Amino acid sequence: MNNRDKVIELIEKQLKEHTTLKINFELFALYVKYDKSAEANQTDIKSFNTKNVVIASSSDINAIYQSLASNIIKSEEFRNEIADGFYKKSYIWS
């Protein structure tokens, strides 16, 4: 089960107990950049937040998840890290 499936499962479980939820996501990304002078990789962990979203039992959870993920990836801060020579190695939703 991937992280996306785990998050959707958690939301669905909470919707069984509550009629609506107010949630946001935080993406943690590990950036890696090769430092020629040190002949080693330089790493940095950054986090990116989304705005709160209200989810009801009738909401399309997959579409909301995709929208939140897309908003983070399109964010200027996220792109600037890549432009500085770092590239995204992996990420985790929480």
C-alpha atoms as a PDB file:
ATOM      1  CA  MET A   1       0.000   0.000   0.000  1.00  0.00           C
ATOM      2  CA  ASN A   2       1.496   3.354  -1.008  1.00  0.00           C
ATOM      3  CA  ASN A   3       1.282   6.606   0.961  1.00  0.00           C
ATOM      4  CA  ARG A   4      -1.581   7.926  -1.158  1.00  0.00           C
ATOM      5  CA  ASP A   5      -3.700   4.850  -0.400  1.00  0.00           C
ATOM      6  CA  LYS A   6      -2.876   5.109   3.309  1.00  0.00           C
ATOM      7  CA  VAL A   7      -3.968   8.748   3.449  1.00  0.00           C
ATOM      8  CA  ILE A   8      -7.234   8.039   1.614  1.00  0.00           C
ATOM      9  CA  GLU A   9      -7.921   5.067   3.880  1.00  0.00           C
ATOM     10  CA  LEU A  10      -7.351   7.234   6.957  1.00  0.00           C
ATOM     11  CA  ILE A  11      -9.696   9.937   5.659  1.00  0.00           C
ATOM     12  CA  GLU A  12     -12.395   7.375   4.840  1.00  0.00           C
ATOM     13  CA  LYS A  13     -12.056   5.841   8.316  1.00  0.00           C
ATOM     14  CA  GLN A  14     -12.468   9.248   9.977  1.00  0.00           C
ATOM     15  CA  LEU A  15     -15.491  10.060   7.789  1.00  0.00           C
ATOM     16  CA  LYS A  16     -17.238   7.000   9.233  1.00  0.00           C
ATOM     17  CA  GLU A  17     -17.032   8.660  12.669  1.00  0.00           C
ATOM     18  CA  HIS A  18     -17.507  12.322  11.643  1.00  0.00           C
ATOM     19  CA  THR A  19     -19.721  13.893   8.995  1.00  0.00           C
ATOM     20  CA  THR A  20     -17.102  16.409   7.895  1.00  0.00           C
ATOM     21  CA  LEU A  21     -13.354  16.844   8.291  1.00  0.00           C
ATOM     22  CA  LYS A  22     -11.075  19.849   7.989  1.00  0.00           C
ATOM     23  CA  ILE A  23      -7.649  18.701   6.841  1.00  0.00           C
ATOM     24  CA  ASN A  24      -4.400  19.870   5.318  1.00  0.00           C
ATOM     25  CA  PHE A  25      -1.319  18.059   4.076  1.00  0.00           C
ATOM     26  CA  GLU A  26       2.352  18.582   4.633  1.00  0.00           C
ATOM     27  CA  LEU A  27       4.824  17.229   2.108  1.00  0.00           C
ATOM     28  CA  PHE A  28       8.323  16.397   3.288  1.00  0.00           C
ATOM     29  CA  ALA A  29      10.827  16.269   0.445  1.00  0.00           C
ATOM     30  CA  LEU A  30      14.417  15.124   0.564  1.00  0.00           C
ATOM     31  CA  TYR A  31      16.508  17.163  -1.862  1.00  0.00           C
ATOM     32  CA  VAL A  32      19.910  15.976  -2.984  1.00  0.00           C
ATOM     33  CA  LYS A  33      22.598  18.058  -4.697  1.00  0.00           C
ATOM     34  CA  TYR A  34      26.063  16.878  -5.662  1.00  0.00           C
ATOM     35  CA  ASP A  35      28.728  19.200  -4.258  1.00  0.00           C
ATOM     36  CA  LYS A  36      31.736  19.001  -6.608  1.00  0.00           C
ATOM     37  CA  SER A  37      34.124  20.745  -4.214  1.00  0.00           C
ATOM     38  CA  ALA A  38      33.399  18.307  -1.388  1.00  0.00           C
ATOM     39  CA  GLU A  39      32.893  15.400  -3.796  1.00  0.00           C
ATOM     40  CA  ALA A  40      29.810  14.414  -1.855  1.00  0.00           C
ATOM     41  CA  ASN A  41      26.067  14.767  -1.885  1.00  0.00           C
ATOM     42  CA  GLN A  42      24.516  17.626   0.038  1.00  0.00           C
ATOM     43  CA  THR A  43      21.028  16.863   1.339  1.00  0.00           C
ATOM     44  CA  ASP A  44      18.266  19.019   2.695  1.00  0.00           C
ATOM     45  CA  ILE A  45      14.762  18.184   3.949  1.00  0.00           C
ATOM     46  CA  LYS A  46      12.033  20.734   3.252  1.00  0.00           C
ATOM     47  CA  SER A  47       8.346  20.721   4.099  1.00  0.00           C
ATOM     48  CA  PHE A  48       5.483  22.266   2.166  1.00  0.00           C
ATOM     49  CA  ASN A  49       1.958  22.831   3.518  1.00  0.00           C
ATOM     50  CA  THR A  50      -1.447  23.026   1.878  1.00  0.00           C
ATOM     51  CA  LYS A  51      -4.384  25.159   2.930  1.00  0.00           C
ATOM     52  CA  ASN A  52      -7.160  23.565   4.966  1.00  0.00           C
ATOM     53  CA  VAL A  53      -9.831  21.724   2.990  1.00  0.00           C
ATOM     54  CA  VAL A  54     -13.241  20.614   4.207  1.00  0.00           C
ATOM     55  CA  ILE A  55     -14.142  17.044   3.268  1.00  0.00           C
ATOM     56  CA  ALA A  56     -17.640  15.639   3.669  1.00  0.00           C
ATOM     57  CA  SER A  57     -18.778  12.053   3.239  1.00  0.00           C
ATOM     58  CA  SER A  58     -20.041  12.965  -0.246  1.00  0.00           C
ATOM     59  CA  SER A  59     -16.693  14.499  -1.317  1.00  0.00           C
ATOM     60  CA  ASP A  60     -14.513  12.974  -4.025  1.00  0.00           C
ATOM     61  CA  ILE A  61     -11.488  12.167  -1.849  1.00  0.00           C
ATOM     62  CA  ASN A  62      -9.307  11.115  -4.793  1.00  0.00           C
ATOM     63  CA  ALA A  63      -9.891  14.427  -6.574  1.00  0.00           C
ATOM     64  CA  ILE A  64      -9.177  16.415  -3.400  1.00  0.00           C
ATOM     65  CA  TYR A  65      -5.966  14.455  -2.814  1.00  0.00           C
ATOM     66  CA  GLN A  66      -4.838  15.062  -6.411  1.00  0.00           C
ATOM     67  CA  SER A  67      -5.633  18.767  -6.126  1.00  0.00           C
ATOM     68  CA  LEU A  68      -3.659  19.168  -2.891  1.00  0.00           C
ATOM     69  CA  ALA A  69      -0.681  17.239  -4.280  1.00  0.00           C
ATOM     70  CA  SER A  70      -0.770  19.261  -7.481  1.00  0.00           C
ATOM     71  CA  ASN A  71      -0.873  22.560  -5.571  1.00  0.00           C
ATOM     72  CA  ILE A  72       2.268  21.655  -3.619  1.00  0.00           C
ATOM     73  CA  ILE A  73       4.199  20.568  -6.695  1.00  0.00           C
ATOM     74  CA  LYS A  74       3.193  23.760  -8.526  1.00  0.00           C
ATOM     75  CA  SER A  75       4.144  25.997  -5.594  1.00  0.00           C
ATOM     76  CA  GLU A  76       6.896  28.532  -6.189  1.00  0.00           C
ATOM     77  CA  GLU A  77       8.842  27.435  -3.098  1.00  0.00           C
ATOM     78  CA  PHE A  78       8.878  23.806  -4.276  1.00  0.00           C
ATOM     79  CA  ARG A  79      10.096  24.811  -7.761  1.00  0.00           C
ATOM     80  CA  ASN A  80      12.741  27.180  -6.361  1.00  0.00           C
ATOM     81  CA  GLU A  81      14.440  24.339  -4.478  1.00  0.00           C
ATOM     82  CA  ILE A  82      14.752  22.394  -7.716  1.00  0.00           C
ATOM     83  CA  ALA A  83      16.001  25.524  -9.540  1.00  0.00           C
ATOM     84  CA  ASP A  84      18.748  25.920  -6.915  1.00  0.00           C
ATOM     85  CA  GLY A  85      20.230  22.647  -8.114  1.00  0.00           C
ATOM     86  CA  PHE A  86      18.519  20.326  -5.677  1.00  0.00           C
ATOM     87  CA  TYR A  87      16.385  17.566  -7.025  1.00  0.00           C
ATOM     88  CA  LYS A  88      13.609  15.763  -5.239  1.00  0.00           C
ATOM     89  CA  LYS A  89      14.729  12.296  -4.165  1.00  0.00           C
ATOM     90  CA  SER A  90      11.631  11.112  -2.291  1.00  0.00           C
ATOM     91  CA  TYR A  91       8.669  12.389  -0.360  1.00  0.00           C
ATOM     92  CA  ILE A  92       6.233  11.392   2.337  1.00  0.00           C
ATOM     93  CA  TRP A  93       2.715  12.667   3.036  1.00  0.00           C
ATOM     94  CA  SER A  94       1.669  13.098   6.608  1.00  0.00           C
END
